[in-house]
Amino acid sequence: MNAPQPPSSNGLLYLAVGVLCLAALLGGYFIQLNAQVDRQREEAAERLALCRHMETVVEVSAARRAELQQRCKQLSQE
């Protein structure tokens, strides 16, 4: 009688493929997340530069200037 052969075990192969797919998905996600953070950082820098420019160029009342300085301070803390 023929002894039944054990089924070929592809479990390790499937695990390796699964790990590689997961790594690729996570890599893509982190690249996208990093790009989004970079865009937000650039936008914040532009807003801060504009705010500082407005502080120096625009002649405003003392109350308005204090409000503008407060906004610029908040932007620089972000």
PDB file of N, CA and C in Angstrom:
ATOM      1  N   MET A   1       0.819  -1.189   0.000  1.00  0.00           N
ATOM      2  CA  MET A   1       0.000   0.000   0.000  1.00  0.00           C
ATOM      3  C   MET A   1       0.861   1.249   0.000  1.00  0.00           C
ATOM      4  N   ASN A   2       0.356   2.177  -0.701  1.00  0.00           N
ATOM      5  CA  ASN A   2       1.048   3.456  -0.717  1.00  0.00           C
ATOM      6  C   ASN A   2       0.696   4.258   0.531  1.00  0.00           C
ATOM      7  N   ALA A   3       1.735   4.792   1.147  1.00  0.00           N
ATOM      8  CA  ALA A   3       1.488   5.659   2.308  1.00  0.00           C
ATOM      9  C   ALA A   3       1.053   7.026   1.794  1.00  0.00           C
ATOM     10  N   PRO A   4       0.032   7.601   2.408  1.00  0.00           N
ATOM     11  CA  PRO A   4      -0.395   8.929   1.937  1.00  0.00           C
ATOM     12  C   PRO A   4       0.715   9.953   2.149  1.00  0.00           C
ATOM     13  N   GLN A   5       0.920  10.754   1.121  1.00  0.00           N
ATOM     14  CA  GLN A   5       1.954  11.778   1.214  1.00  0.00           C
ATOM     15  C   GLN A   5       1.382  13.001   1.931  1.00  0.00           C
ATOM     16  N   PRO A   6       2.205  13.603   2.784  1.00  0.00           N
ATOM     17  CA  PRO A   6       1.720  14.812   3.455  1.00  0.00           C
ATOM     18  C   PRO A   6       1.551  15.933   2.433  1.00  0.00           C
ATOM     19  N   PRO A   7       0.535  16.743   2.612  1.00  0.00           N
ATOM     20  CA  PRO A   7       0.337  17.843   1.661  1.00  0.00           C
ATOM     21  C   PRO A   7       1.534  18.787   1.703  1.00  0.00           C
ATOM     22  N   SER A   8       1.871  19.310   0.531  1.00  0.00           N
ATOM     23  CA  SER A   8       3.013  20.220   0.483  1.00  0.00           C
ATOM     24  C   SER A   8       2.681  21.466   1.306  1.00  0.00           C
ATOM     25  N   SER A   9       3.630  21.837   2.100  1.00  0.00           N
ATOM     26  CA  SER A   9       3.396  22.955   3.013  1.00  0.00           C
ATOM     27  C   SER A   9       3.884  24.247   2.370  1.00  0.00           C
ATOM     28  N   ASN A  10       2.946  25.075   2.013  1.00  0.00           N
ATOM     29  CA  ASN A  10       3.275  26.382   1.449  1.00  0.00           C
ATOM     30  C   ASN A  10       3.040  27.486   2.476  1.00  0.00           C
ATOM     31  N   GLY A  11       2.850  27.084   3.705  1.00  0.00           N
ATOM     32  CA  GLY A  11       2.550  28.064   4.754  1.00  0.00           C
ATOM     33  C   GLY A  11       3.628  29.119   4.896  1.00  0.00           C
ATOM     34  N   LEU A  12       4.887  28.689   4.836  1.00  0.00           N
ATOM     35  CA  LEU A  12       5.988  29.638   4.983  1.00  0.00           C
ATOM     36  C   LEU A  12       6.025  30.614   3.810  1.00  0.00           C
ATOM     37  N   LEU A  13       5.754  30.118   2.628  1.00  0.00           N
ATOM     38  CA  LEU A  13       5.715  30.974   1.445  1.00  0.00           C
ATOM     39  C   LEU A  13       4.593  32.001   1.561  1.00  0.00           C
ATOM     40  N   TYR A  14       3.418  31.548   1.979  1.00  0.00           N
ATOM     41  CA  TYR A  14       2.289  32.466   2.147  1.00  0.00           C
ATOM     42  C   TYR A  14       2.579  33.518   3.217  1.00  0.00           C
ATOM     43  N   LEU A  15       3.237  33.102   4.280  1.00  0.00           N
ATOM     44  CA  LEU A  15       3.603  34.044   5.337  1.00  0.00           C
ATOM     45  C   LEU A  15       4.561  35.103   4.803  1.00  0.00           C
ATOM     46  N   ALA A  16       5.560  34.673   4.041  1.00  0.00           N
ATOM     47  CA  ALA A  16       6.535  35.611   3.482  1.00  0.00           C
ATOM     48  C   ALA A  16       5.860  36.591   2.526  1.00  0.00           C
ATOM     49  N   VAL A  17       4.982  36.086   1.673  1.00  0.00           N
ATOM     50  CA  VAL A  17       4.266  36.957   0.731  1.00  0.00           C
ATOM     51  C   VAL A  17       3.369  37.928   1.491  1.00  0.00           C
ATOM     52  N   GLY A  18       2.706  37.444   2.528  1.00  0.00           N
ATOM     53  CA  GLY A  18       1.849  38.310   3.335  1.00  0.00           C
ATOM     54  C   GLY A  18       2.635  39.407   4.022  1.00  0.00           C
ATOM     55  N   VAL A  19       3.793  39.055   4.566  1.00  0.00           N
ATOM     56  CA  VAL A  19       4.638  40.054   5.235  1.00  0.00           C
ATOM     57  C   VAL A  19       5.123  41.095   4.232  1.00  0.00           C
ATOM     58  N   LEU A  20       5.521  40.655   3.049  1.00  0.00           N
ATOM     59  CA  LEU A  20       5.977  41.598   2.022  1.00  0.00           C
ATOM     60  C   LEU A  20       4.851  42.535   1.579  1.00  0.00           C
ATOM     61  N   CYS A  21       3.659  41.996   1.420  1.00  0.00           N
ATOM     62  CA  CYS A  21       2.516  42.834   1.034  1.00  0.00           C
ATOM     63  C   CYS A  21       2.199  43.849   2.123  1.00  0.00           C
ATOM     64  N   LEU A  22       2.215  43.396   3.359  1.00  0.00           N
ATOM     65  CA  LEU A  22       1.955  44.303   4.476  1.00  0.00           C
ATOM     66  C   LEU A  22       3.014  45.397   4.542  1.00  0.00           C
ATOM     67  N   ALA A  23       4.270  45.029   4.330  1.00  0.00           N
ATOM     68  CA  ALA A  23       5.354  46.012   4.340  1.00  0.00           C
ATOM     69  C   ALA A  23       5.169  47.032   3.222  1.00  0.00           C
ATOM     70  N   ALA A  24       4.759  46.584   2.051  1.00  0.00           N
ATOM     71  CA  ALA A  24       4.532  47.499   0.930  1.00  0.00           C
ATOM     72  C   ALA A  24       3.374  48.444   1.226  1.00  0.00           C
ATOM     73  N   LEU A  25       2.301  47.918   1.787  1.00  0.00           N
ATOM     74  CA  LEU A  25       1.156  48.768   2.125  1.00  0.00           C
ATOM     75  C   LEU A  25       1.517  49.794   3.187  1.00  0.00           C
ATOM     76  N   LEU A  26       2.213  49.359   4.225  1.00  0.00           N
ATOM     77  CA  LEU A  26       2.623  50.295   5.273  1.00  0.00           C
ATOM     78  C   LEU A  26       3.604  51.332   4.734  1.00  0.00           C
ATOM     79  N   GLY A  27       4.507  50.913   3.869  1.00  0.00           N
ATOM     80  CA  GLY A  27       5.443  51.856   3.263  1.00  0.00           C
ATOM     81  C   GLY A  27       4.719  52.924   2.465  1.00  0.00           C
ATOM     82  N   GLY A  28       3.752  52.513   1.664  1.00  0.00           N
ATOM     83  CA  GLY A  28       2.962  53.479   0.893  1.00  0.00           C
ATOM     84  C   GLY A  28       2.183  54.419   1.786  1.00  0.00           C
ATOM     85  N   TYR A  29       1.622  53.879   2.859  1.00  0.00           N
ATOM     86  CA  TYR A  29       0.863  54.712   3.796  1.00  0.00           C
ATOM     87  C   TYR A  29       1.765  55.757   4.448  1.00  0.00           C
ATOM     88  N   PHE A  30       2.954  55.344   4.893  1.00  0.00           N
ATOM     89  CA  PHE A  30       3.850  56.283   5.553  1.00  0.00           C
ATOM     90  C   PHE A  30       4.395  57.326   4.586  1.00  0.00           C
ATOM     91  N   ILE A  31       4.602  56.958   3.340  1.00  0.00           N
ATOM     92  CA  ILE A  31       5.028  57.939   2.338  1.00  0.00           C
ATOM     93  C   ILE A  31       3.940  58.988   2.145  1.00  0.00           C
ATOM     94  N   GLN A  32       2.698  58.547   2.046  1.00  0.00           N
ATOM     95  CA  GLN A  32       1.573  59.465   1.874  1.00  0.00           C
ATOM     96  C   GLN A  32       1.411  60.359   3.106  1.00  0.00           C
ATOM     97  N   LEU A  33       1.538  59.785   4.275  1.00  0.00           N
ATOM     98  CA  LEU A  33       1.418  60.549   5.515  1.00  0.00           C
ATOM     99  C   LEU A  33       2.525  61.590   5.622  1.00  0.00           C
ATOM    100  N   ASN A  34       3.738  61.210   5.254  1.00  0.00           N
ATOM    101  CA  ASN A  34       4.861  62.133   5.296  1.00  0.00           C
ATOM    102  C   ASN A  34       4.660  63.287   4.318  1.00  0.00           C
ATOM    103  N   ALA A  35       4.147  63.003   3.139  1.00  0.00           N
ATOM    104  CA  ALA A  35       3.885  64.057   2.154  1.00  0.00           C
ATOM    105  C   ALA A  35       2.832  65.030   2.671  1.00  0.00           C
ATOM    106  N   GLN A  36       1.809  64.522   3.328  1.00  0.00           N
ATOM    107  CA  GLN A  36       0.759  65.381   3.880  1.00  0.00           C
ATOM    108  C   GLN A  36       1.324  66.282   4.977  1.00  0.00           C
ATOM    109  N   VAL A  37       2.150  65.748   5.842  1.00  0.00           N
ATOM    110  CA  VAL A  37       2.754  66.543   6.915  1.00  0.00           C
ATOM    111  C   VAL A  37       3.672  67.607   6.322  1.00  0.00           C
ATOM    112  N   ASP A  38       4.418  67.256   5.280  1.00  0.00           N
ATOM    113  CA  ASP A  38       5.287  68.231   4.620  1.00  0.00           C
ATOM    114  C   ASP A  38       4.478  69.377   4.024  1.00  0.00           C
ATOM    115  N   ARG A  39       3.344  69.054   3.389  1.00  0.00           N
ATOM    116  CA  ARG A  39       2.492  70.112   2.825  1.00  0.00           C
ATOM    117  C   ARG A  39       1.962  71.027   3.924  1.00  0.00           C
ATOM    118  N   GLN A  40       1.528  70.441   5.032  1.00  0.00           N
ATOM    119  CA  GLN A  40       1.017  71.249   6.141  1.00  0.00           C
ATOM    120  C   GLN A  40       2.112  72.138   6.714  1.00  0.00           C
ATOM    121  N   ARG A  41       3.320  71.613   6.816  1.00  0.00           N
ATOM    122  CA  ARG A  41       4.443  72.390   7.336  1.00  0.00           C
ATOM    123  C   ARG A  41       4.760  73.560   6.405  1.00  0.00           C
ATOM    124  N   GLU A  42       4.743  73.315   5.099  1.00  0.00           N
ATOM    125  CA  GLU A  42       5.003  74.383   4.133  1.00  0.00           C
ATOM    126  C   GLU A  42       3.924  75.457   4.199  1.00  0.00           C
ATOM    127  N   GLU A  43       2.663  75.038   4.308  1.00  0.00           N
ATOM    128  CA  GLU A  43       1.565  76.001   4.403  1.00  0.00           C
ATOM    129  C   GLU A  43       1.682  76.838   5.671  1.00  0.00           C
ATOM    130  N   ALA A  44       2.051  76.224   6.773  1.00  0.00           N
ATOM    131  CA  ALA A  44       2.208  76.956   8.030  1.00  0.00           C
ATOM    132  C   ALA A  44       3.351  77.960   7.921  1.00  0.00           C
ATOM    133  N   ALA A  45       4.435  77.566   7.267  1.00  0.00           N
ATOM    134  CA  ALA A  45       5.563  78.480   7.087  1.00  0.00           C
ATOM    135  C   ALA A  45       5.158  79.662   6.211  1.00  0.00           C
ATOM    136  N   GLU A  46       4.368  79.409   5.174  1.00  0.00           N
ATOM    137  CA  GLU A  46       3.895  80.496   4.312  1.00  0.00           C
ATOM    138  C   GLU A  46       2.979  81.446   5.077  1.00  0.00           C
ATOM    139  N   ARG A  47       2.071  80.890   5.890  1.00  0.00           N
ATOM    140  CA  ARG A  47       1.176  81.742   6.681  1.00  0.00           C
ATOM    141  C   ARG A  47       1.963  82.589   7.672  1.00  0.00           C
ATOM    142  N   LEU A  48       2.969  81.995   8.296  1.00  0.00           N
ATOM    143  CA  LEU A  48       3.789  82.730   9.249  1.00  0.00           C
ATOM    144  C   LEU A  48       4.568  83.839   8.547  1.00  0.00           C
ATOM    145  N   ALA A  49       5.125  83.546   7.381  1.00  0.00           N
ATOM    146  CA  ALA A  49       5.864  84.563   6.632  1.00  0.00           C
ATOM    147  C   ALA A  49       4.940  85.704   6.220  1.00  0.00           C
ATOM    148  N   LEU A  50       3.736  85.374   5.769  1.00  0.00           N
ATOM    149  CA  LEU A  50       2.772  86.402   5.392  1.00  0.00           C
ATOM    150  C   LEU A  50       2.377  87.239   6.601  1.00  0.00           C
ATOM    151  N   CYS A  51       2.172  86.588   7.720  1.00  0.00           N
ATOM    152  CA  CYS A  51       1.787  87.296   8.937  1.00  0.00           C
ATOM    153  C   CYS A  51       2.889  88.271   9.356  1.00  0.00           C
ATOM    154  N   ARG A  52       4.116  87.815   9.327  1.00  0.00           N
ATOM    155  CA  ARG A  52       5.236  88.698   9.701  1.00  0.00           C
ATOM    156  C   ARG A  52       5.387  89.837   8.706  1.00  0.00           C
ATOM    157  N   HIS A  53       5.143  89.549   7.443  1.00  0.00           N
ATOM    158  CA  HIS A  53       5.201  90.603   6.430  1.00  0.00           C
ATOM    159  C   HIS A  53       4.114  91.640   6.696  1.00  0.00           C
ATOM    160  N   MET A  54       2.925  91.165   7.027  1.00  0.00           N
ATOM    161  CA  MET A  54       1.820  92.083   7.332  1.00  0.00           C
ATOM    162  C   MET A  54       2.150  92.940   8.549  1.00  0.00           C
ATOM    163  N   GLU A  55       2.821  92.362   9.526  1.00  0.00           N
ATOM    164  CA  GLU A  55       3.209  93.117  10.715  1.00  0.00           C
ATOM    165  C   GLU A  55       4.100  94.292  10.351  1.00  0.00           C
ATOM    166  N   THR A  56       5.009  94.087   9.423  1.00  0.00           N
ATOM    167  CA  THR A  56       5.974  95.131   9.097  1.00  0.00           C
ATOM    168  C   THR A  56       5.441  96.135   8.082  1.00  0.00           C
ATOM    169  N   VAL A  57       4.566  95.710   7.188  1.00  0.00           N
ATOM    170  CA  VAL A  57       4.138  96.575   6.094  1.00  0.00           C
ATOM    171  C   VAL A  57       2.906  97.400   6.443  1.00  0.00           C
ATOM    172  N   VAL A  58       1.928  96.765   7.008  1.00  0.00           N
ATOM    173  CA  VAL A  58       0.639  97.414   7.218  1.00  0.00           C
ATOM    174  C   VAL A  58       0.705  98.322   8.435  1.00  0.00           C
ATOM    175  N   GLU A  59       0.253  99.529   8.228  1.00  0.00           N
ATOM    176  CA  GLU A  59       0.148 100.453   9.355  1.00  0.00           C
ATOM    177  C   GLU A  59      -1.250 100.320   9.923  1.00  0.00           C
ATOM    178  N   VAL A  60      -1.308  99.871  11.153  1.00  0.00           N
ATOM    179  CA  VAL A  60      -2.590  99.645  11.797  1.00  0.00           C
ATOM    180  C   VAL A  60      -2.578 100.268  13.178  1.00  0.00           C
ATOM    181  N   SER A  61      -3.749 100.345  13.748  1.00  0.00           N
ATOM    182  CA  SER A  61      -3.858 100.893  15.097  1.00  0.00           C
ATOM    183  C   SER A  61      -3.163  99.961  16.089  1.00  0.00           C
ATOM    184  N   ALA A  62      -2.945 100.461  17.289  1.00  0.00           N
ATOM    185  CA  ALA A  62      -2.241  99.679  18.306  1.00  0.00           C
ATOM    186  C   ALA A  62      -3.015  98.407  18.652  1.00  0.00           C
ATOM    187  N   ALA A  63      -4.338  98.500  18.739  1.00  0.00           N
ATOM    188  CA  ALA A  63      -5.148  97.327  19.074  1.00  0.00           C
ATOM    189  C   ALA A  63      -5.064  96.288  17.957  1.00  0.00           C
ATOM    190  N   ARG A  64      -5.151  96.753  16.733  1.00  0.00           N
ATOM    191  CA  ARG A  64      -5.086  95.837  15.591  1.00  0.00           C
ATOM    192  C   ARG A  64      -3.697  95.203  15.498  1.00  0.00           C
ATOM    193  N   ARG A  65      -2.659  95.993  15.759  1.00  0.00           N
ATOM    194  CA  ARG A  65      -1.289  95.472  15.719  1.00  0.00           C
ATOM    195  C   ARG A  65      -1.096  94.391  16.789  1.00  0.00           C
ATOM    196  N   ALA A  66      -1.644  94.615  17.981  1.00  0.00           N
ATOM    197  CA  ALA A  66      -1.525  93.619  19.053  1.00  0.00           C
ATOM    198  C   ALA A  66      -2.224  92.320  18.653  1.00  0.00           C
ATOM    199  N   GLU A  67      -3.389  92.449  18.018  1.00  0.00           N
ATOM    200  CA  GLU A  67      -4.121  91.263  17.562  1.00  0.00           C
ATOM    201  C   GLU A  67      -3.318  90.516  16.496  1.00  0.00           C
ATOM    202  N   LEU A  68      -2.727  91.264  15.576  1.00  0.00           N
ATOM    203  CA  LEU A  68      -1.923  90.662  14.518  1.00  0.00           C
ATOM    204  C   LEU A  68      -0.688  89.974  15.103  1.00  0.00           C
ATOM    205  N   GLN A  69      -0.054  90.610  16.075  1.00  0.00           N
ATOM    206  CA  GLN A  69       1.116  90.000  16.712  1.00  0.00           C
ATOM    207  C   GLN A  69       0.734  88.711  17.439  1.00  0.00           C
ATOM    208  N   GLN A  70      -0.445  88.717  18.068  1.00  0.00           N
ATOM    209  CA  GLN A  70      -0.909  87.518  18.768  1.00  0.00           C
ATOM    210  C   GLN A  70      -1.133  86.363  17.780  1.00  0.00           C
ATOM    211  N   ARG A  71      -1.730  86.678  16.635  1.00  0.00           N
ATOM    212  CA  ARG A  71      -1.939  85.637  15.619  1.00  0.00           C
ATOM    213  C   ARG A  71      -0.616  85.089  15.109  1.00  0.00           C
ATOM    214  N   CYS A  72       0.340  85.988  14.879  1.00  0.00           N
ATOM    215  CA  CYS A  72       1.651  85.545  14.402  1.00  0.00           C
ATOM    216  C   CYS A  72       2.337  84.675  15.453  1.00  0.00           C
ATOM    217  N   LYS A  73       2.166  85.031  16.700  1.00  0.00           N
ATOM    218  CA  LYS A  73       2.766  84.240  17.775  1.00  0.00           C
ATOM    219  C   LYS A  73       2.154  82.840  17.803  1.00  0.00           C
ATOM    220  N   GLN A  74       0.836  82.757  17.618  1.00  0.00           N
ATOM    221  CA  GLN A  74       0.169  81.454  17.597  1.00  0.00           C
ATOM    222  C   GLN A  74       0.656  80.615  16.416  1.00  0.00           C
ATOM    223  N   LEU A  75       0.817  81.271  15.262  1.00  0.00           N
ATOM    224  CA  LEU A  75       1.296  80.541  14.082  1.00  0.00           C
ATOM    225  C   LEU A  75       2.717  80.027  14.283  1.00  0.00           C
ATOM    226  N   SER A  76       3.558  80.828  14.921  1.00  0.00           N
ATOM    227  CA  SER A  76       4.946  80.400  15.109  1.00  0.00           C
ATOM    228  C   SER A  76       5.049  79.247  16.099  1.00  0.00           C
ATOM    229  N   GLN A  77       4.071  79.122  17.000  1.00  0.00           N
ATOM    230  CA  GLN A  77       4.088  78.022  17.965  1.00  0.00           C
ATOM    231  C   GLN A  77       3.619  76.720  17.336  1.00  0.00           C
ATOM    232  N   GLU A  78       2.882  76.784  16.246  1.00  0.00           N
ATOM    233  CA  GLU A  78       2.417  75.569  15.552  1.00  0.00           C
ATOM    234  C   GLU A  78       3.529  74.955  14.844  1.00  0.00           C
TER     235      GLU A  78
END
